[in-house]
Amino acid sequence: MHLLPAFLLVLQPLAPGGARSAPLVSDWTIPPRFRSRTIVGRVKGFPERSVALTFDDGPDRRNTPIVLDALRRHGARATFFLIGEQVGANAGLVRRMVAEGHAVGNHSWSHPYRLSEDEGARQLQRCDEAIVRAAGRAPACFRAPGGFTNNGIANAARRQGRPNFIWTVSSVDTKRIGPAAIARNVTRGLRPGDIVLMHDGPGHRQTAQAVPAILAEMDRKGLRSVTVPELCRAWDRWLTARGVAKGIRLPSRPSKGASSRAPTQPKRR
């Protein structure tokens, strides 16, 4: 099967009147400094007013279109961590994600928590294959189900060189708290460089309904939503300009060596 390169030129659908809108260039490249890392914190001091909105457990035919519609209205980009066994029946939604400039990530084949590393590797492979069949390219990134950092699938991903992107802000949308509370959980204290956890899978209509309010508040605060690969490249540029060749933390004081310590565990809200 032919895979598309990291830089993918996507022609948008014809606009009303027959004019074709400008093409999107969707770049899912993630810099080498993130290879095999578990990303659980923001880069401190990062000045660009960008955050990464992420959605787990889709695609879902009821909720994902609502999320995509809201993102399109606001000109925002997001990352969708997909469950492989749900991709085949919703391949059109995956193609729409790619065509509208979003990134697609691997969230396992069937969302298991307890499994061996070999089983984790098979979960990764099956999800990759489902995404390639739907979108014509391999997923951009990976998030372990449940945010695990040291179970079978997390270890398999690390062995394969995949970064495991956790989150710094949780919407707490696995609880029945309603769209308004979800929006407050996301936007309250949202800072540049944050990675936000939400869900668009089955049963998450309240999250889909919260997205317009989240994006409106981000617009008010001057924050833009980018894909996880875009955020990683922005982090990489900023760290490289400050002499940090490896790792994702600035040294505590000026020094010749760069810190490569792992970031701290985020508070889960």
Protein backbone atom coordinates (compact mmCIF):
# COMPACT_ATOMS: atom_id res chain seq x y z
CA MET A 1 0.00 0.00 0.00
CA HIS A 2 1.34 3.40 -0.96
CA LEU A 3 1.70 5.82 1.96
CA LEU A 4 1.59 9.55 1.48
CA PRO A 5 4.60 11.57 2.66
CA ALA A 6 4.69 13.66 5.81
CA PHE A 7 3.80 16.75 3.79
CA LEU A 8 0.37 16.08 2.32
CA LEU A 9 -1.23 18.46 -0.16
CA VAL A 10 -4.99 18.21 0.20
CA LEU A 11 -7.31 19.91 -2.28
CA GLN A 12 -10.37 21.25 -0.51
CA PRO A 13 -13.91 20.67 -1.85
CA LEU A 14 -15.35 23.15 -4.29
CA ALA A 15 -16.75 26.21 -2.61
CA PRO A 16 -20.19 27.60 -3.57
CA GLY A 17 -20.04 28.87 -7.14
CA GLY A 18 -17.50 26.26 -8.17
CA ALA A 19 -14.34 27.98 -6.92
CA ARG A 20 -11.84 25.75 -5.18
CA SER A 21 -10.57 27.03 -1.86
CA ALA A 22 -6.86 27.21 -1.12
CA PRO A 23 -5.25 23.79 -0.49
CA LEU A 24 -4.15 22.77 2.96
CA VAL A 25 -0.68 21.45 3.63
CA SER A 26 -0.95 19.01 6.50
CA ASP A 27 2.46 18.26 8.01
CA TRP A 28 2.50 15.52 10.63
CA THR A 29 6.27 15.57 11.18
CA ILE A 30 7.36 15.34 14.83
CA PRO A 31 10.96 16.36 15.63
CA PRO A 32 13.45 13.66 16.74
CA ARG A 33 13.80 15.06 20.27
CA PHE A 34 10.37 13.58 21.06
CA ARG A 35 11.25 10.05 19.92
CA SER A 36 10.23 7.40 22.51
CA ARG A 37 9.30 10.09 25.03
CA THR A 38 6.25 10.30 27.24
CA ILE A 39 4.95 13.85 26.98
CA VAL A 40 3.13 14.69 30.20
CA GLY A 41 3.85 18.39 30.66
CA ARG A 42 4.09 21.65 28.79
CA VAL A 43 7.39 23.30 27.91
CA LYS A 44 7.81 25.93 30.61
CA GLY A 45 8.10 29.50 29.40
CA PHE A 46 6.85 28.68 25.90
CA PRO A 47 5.60 32.03 24.58
CA GLU A 48 3.55 31.18 21.49
CA ARG A 49 -0.19 31.40 22.17
CA SER A 50 -0.93 27.94 20.82
CA VAL A 51 -2.56 24.94 22.47
CA ALA A 52 -3.40 21.47 21.18
CA LEU A 53 -7.01 20.36 21.50
CA THR A 54 -7.18 16.56 21.34
CA PHE A 55 -10.13 14.18 21.08
CA ASP A 56 -9.99 10.51 22.08
CA ASP A 57 -12.07 7.41 21.36
CA GLY A 58 -13.56 8.34 17.99
CA PRO A 59 -14.47 8.47 15.28
CA ASP A 60 -18.18 8.47 16.03
CA ARG A 61 -20.85 9.18 13.45
CA ARG A 62 -22.95 11.25 15.87
CA ASN A 63 -20.41 13.31 17.79
CA THR A 64 -17.35 13.70 15.55
CA PRO A 65 -19.19 15.70 12.82
CA ILE A 66 -20.34 18.24 15.44
CA VAL A 67 -16.75 18.68 16.61
CA LEU A 68 -15.43 18.99 13.05
CA ASP A 69 -18.09 21.55 12.15
CA ALA A 70 -17.16 23.74 15.13
CA LEU A 71 -13.44 23.51 14.38
CA ARG A 72 -14.05 24.48 10.76
CA ARG A 73 -16.15 27.52 11.73
CA HIS A 74 -13.32 28.79 13.93
CA GLY A 75 -10.46 27.87 11.58
CA ALA A 76 -9.01 25.66 14.32
CA ARG A 77 -7.00 22.45 13.98
CA ALA A 78 -7.05 19.53 16.40
CA THR A 79 -5.70 16.01 16.86
CA PHE A 80 -7.99 12.99 16.91
CA PHE A 81 -6.68 9.86 18.67
CA LEU A 82 -8.68 7.10 17.00
CA ILE A 83 -9.71 3.63 18.10
CA GLY A 84 -8.88 1.33 15.21
CA GLU A 85 -11.97 -0.89 15.38
CA GLN A 86 -14.18 2.20 14.90
CA VAL A 87 -12.32 3.52 11.87
CA GLY A 88 -13.66 1.21 9.15
CA ALA A 89 -17.30 2.15 9.64
CA ASN A 90 -16.37 5.84 9.82
CA ALA A 91 -13.67 6.08 7.16
CA GLY A 92 -15.33 9.13 5.62
CA LEU A 93 -14.92 11.03 8.88
CA VAL A 94 -11.22 10.12 9.01
CA ARG A 95 -10.77 11.40 5.46
CA ARG A 96 -12.58 14.58 6.42
CA MET A 97 -10.24 15.08 9.40
CA VAL A 98 -7.23 14.86 7.10
CA ALA A 99 -8.80 17.03 4.39
CA GLU A 100 -9.57 19.79 6.90
CA GLY A 101 -6.01 19.95 8.23
CA HIS A 102 -6.33 17.97 11.45
CA ALA A 103 -3.91 15.31 12.67
CA VAL A 104 -4.87 11.70 13.31
CA GLY A 105 -3.29 9.62 16.06
CA ASN A 106 -3.21 5.97 17.13
CA HIS A 107 -5.24 5.24 20.29
CA SER A 108 -5.00 1.43 19.99
CA TRP A 109 -7.26 -1.02 18.19
CA SER A 110 -9.74 -1.73 21.01
CA HIS A 111 -8.78 0.51 23.98
CA PRO A 112 -7.32 -2.11 26.38
CA TYR A 113 -5.57 -1.23 29.65
CA ARG A 114 -4.03 -4.52 30.75
CA LEU A 115 -2.00 -6.29 28.11
CA SER A 116 1.48 -7.59 27.36
CA GLU A 117 3.98 -5.68 25.28
CA ASP A 118 3.48 -8.11 22.38
CA GLU A 119 -0.26 -7.56 22.58
CA GLY A 120 0.38 -3.82 22.69
CA ALA A 121 2.45 -4.02 19.52
CA ARG A 122 -0.39 -5.85 17.76
CA GLN A 123 -2.86 -3.22 18.95
CA LEU A 124 -0.64 -0.49 17.48
CA GLN A 125 -0.23 -2.31 14.19
CA ARG A 126 -3.93 -3.03 13.71
CA CYS A 127 -4.86 0.59 14.44
CA ASP A 128 -2.14 1.86 12.08
CA GLU A 129 -3.46 -0.38 9.32
CA ALA A 130 -7.05 0.78 9.81
CA ILE A 131 -6.02 4.43 9.61
CA VAL A 132 -3.89 3.83 6.51
CA ARG A 133 -6.81 2.11 4.80
CA ALA A 134 -9.10 5.04 5.61
CA ALA A 135 -6.77 7.99 5.12
CA GLY A 136 -3.92 6.73 2.94
CA ARG A 137 -1.25 7.64 5.47
CA ALA A 138 0.03 6.40 8.79
CA PRO A 139 -1.09 8.14 12.00
CA ALA A 140 0.80 11.16 13.21
CA CYS A 141 1.20 10.25 16.85
CA PHE A 142 0.10 8.00 19.71
CA ARG A 143 -1.71 8.22 23.03
CA ALA A 144 -2.08 5.20 25.29
CA PRO A 145 -5.64 4.38 26.35
CA GLY A 146 -6.31 5.77 29.81
CA GLY A 147 -3.16 7.87 29.66
CA PHE A 148 -1.05 4.94 30.83
CA THR A 149 2.69 5.47 30.65
CA ASN A 150 4.09 2.06 31.62
CA ASN A 151 1.74 -0.71 30.48
CA GLY A 152 2.11 -3.10 27.54
CA ILE A 153 1.01 -0.74 24.79
CA ALA A 154 2.91 2.25 26.20
CA ASN A 155 6.08 0.16 26.40
CA ALA A 156 5.57 -1.20 22.88
CA ALA A 157 5.14 2.32 21.54
CA ARG A 158 8.28 3.50 23.31
CA ARG A 159 10.26 0.57 21.90
CA GLN A 160 9.07 1.56 18.40
CA GLY A 161 10.19 5.17 18.96
CA ARG A 162 6.69 6.60 19.21
CA PRO A 163 6.09 9.51 21.58
CA ASN A 164 3.18 8.96 23.98
CA PHE A 165 1.25 12.22 24.26
CA ILE A 166 -0.64 12.48 27.53
CA TRP A 167 -2.20 15.84 28.48
CA THR A 168 -1.79 18.86 30.72
CA VAL A 169 -5.46 19.86 30.92
CA SER A 170 -8.38 17.44 31.27
CA SER A 171 -11.94 18.39 30.41
CA VAL A 172 -13.18 15.75 32.92
CA ASP A 173 -15.74 14.89 30.27
CA THR A 174 -15.94 11.23 31.29
CA LYS A 175 -18.27 12.46 34.05
CA ARG A 176 -21.81 13.63 33.31
CA ILE A 177 -21.15 17.27 34.12
CA GLY A 178 -22.69 19.00 31.09
CA PRO A 179 -21.28 21.15 28.26
CA ALA A 180 -20.88 24.33 30.32
CA ALA A 181 -18.75 22.61 32.98
CA ILE A 182 -16.64 20.90 30.32
CA ALA A 183 -15.98 24.25 28.64
CA ARG A 184 -14.98 25.81 31.98
CA ASN A 185 -12.65 22.91 32.77
CA VAL A 186 -10.84 23.41 29.47
CA THR A 187 -10.61 27.20 29.32
CA ARG A 188 -10.05 28.01 33.00
CA GLY A 189 -6.34 28.57 33.36
CA LEU A 190 -5.55 27.41 29.81
CA ARG A 191 -1.99 28.43 28.97
CA PRO A 192 0.26 28.44 25.90
CA GLY A 193 1.60 24.97 25.16
CA ASP A 194 -1.17 23.06 26.91
CA ILE A 195 -2.43 19.75 25.52
CA VAL A 196 -6.14 19.36 26.25
CA LEU A 197 -7.89 16.01 26.70
CA MET A 198 -11.45 15.63 25.41
CA HIS A 199 -13.49 12.80 23.89
CA ASP A 200 -15.61 12.56 20.75
CA GLY A 201 -16.41 8.86 20.93
CA PRO A 202 -19.77 7.22 21.54
CA GLY A 203 -21.66 8.74 24.47
CA HIS A 204 -19.76 12.04 24.44
CA ARG A 205 -22.42 14.35 23.02
CA GLN A 206 -21.89 16.79 25.92
CA THR A 207 -18.28 17.29 24.81
CA ALA A 208 -19.28 17.91 21.20
CA GLN A 209 -21.76 20.49 22.43
CA ALA A 210 -19.06 22.19 24.54
CA VAL A 211 -16.58 22.69 21.70
CA PRO A 212 -18.13 25.89 20.24
CA ALA A 213 -17.96 27.61 23.64
CA ILE A 214 -14.37 26.41 24.16
CA LEU A 215 -13.27 27.78 20.79
CA ALA A 216 -15.09 31.09 21.34
CA GLU A 217 -13.34 31.58 24.69
CA MET A 218 -9.99 30.67 23.15
CA ASP A 219 -10.60 33.28 20.46
CA ARG A 220 -11.37 35.83 23.16
CA LYS A 221 -8.09 35.00 24.94
CA GLY A 222 -6.06 35.07 21.73
CA LEU A 223 -5.23 31.35 21.89
CA ARG A 224 -5.24 29.22 18.76
CA SER A 225 -5.66 25.48 18.47
CA VAL A 226 -2.98 23.61 16.51
CA THR A 227 -2.27 19.93 15.97
CA VAL A 228 0.02 18.02 18.29
CA PRO A 229 2.72 17.77 15.56
CA GLU A 230 2.50 21.54 15.00
CA LEU A 231 2.88 22.19 18.73
CA CYS A 232 5.88 19.84 18.89
CA ARG A 233 7.59 21.66 16.03
CA ALA A 234 6.96 25.02 17.71
CA TRP A 235 8.41 23.67 20.96
CA ASP A 236 11.41 22.33 19.04
CA ARG A 237 12.11 25.66 17.34
CA TRP A 238 11.88 27.55 20.61
CA LEU A 239 14.07 25.11 22.55
CA THR A 240 16.65 24.94 19.76
CA ALA A 241 16.89 28.74 19.71
CA ARG A 242 17.73 28.57 23.42
CA GLY A 243 20.49 26.02 22.96
CA VAL A 244 18.54 22.98 24.19
CA ALA A 245 19.57 20.26 21.75
CA LYS A 246 17.89 17.33 23.52
CA GLY A 247 14.96 16.87 25.85
CA ILE A 248 12.11 19.30 26.35
CA ARG A 249 13.13 21.27 29.45
CA LEU A 250 15.23 24.36 29.78
CA PRO A 251 18.15 24.12 32.22
CA SER A 252 17.47 25.71 35.60
CA ARG A 253 20.35 28.09 35.07
CA PRO A 254 22.59 28.88 32.09
CA SER A 255 24.90 26.00 31.33
CA LYS A 256 26.69 24.37 28.43
CA GLY A 257 24.65 21.17 28.67
CA ALA A 258 20.97 20.81 27.98
CA SER A 259 18.63 19.06 30.37
CA SER A 260 17.08 15.80 29.22
CA ARG A 261 15.02 15.06 32.32
CA ALA A 262 11.45 13.97 31.77
CA PRO A 263 8.71 16.53 32.48
CA THR A 264 6.65 16.30 35.62
CA GLN A 265 3.32 14.48 35.75
CA PRO A 266 0.41 16.81 34.99
CA LYS A 267 -2.39 17.52 37.39
CA ARG A 268 -5.46 15.69 36.15
CA ARG A 269 -8.46 17.93 36.50
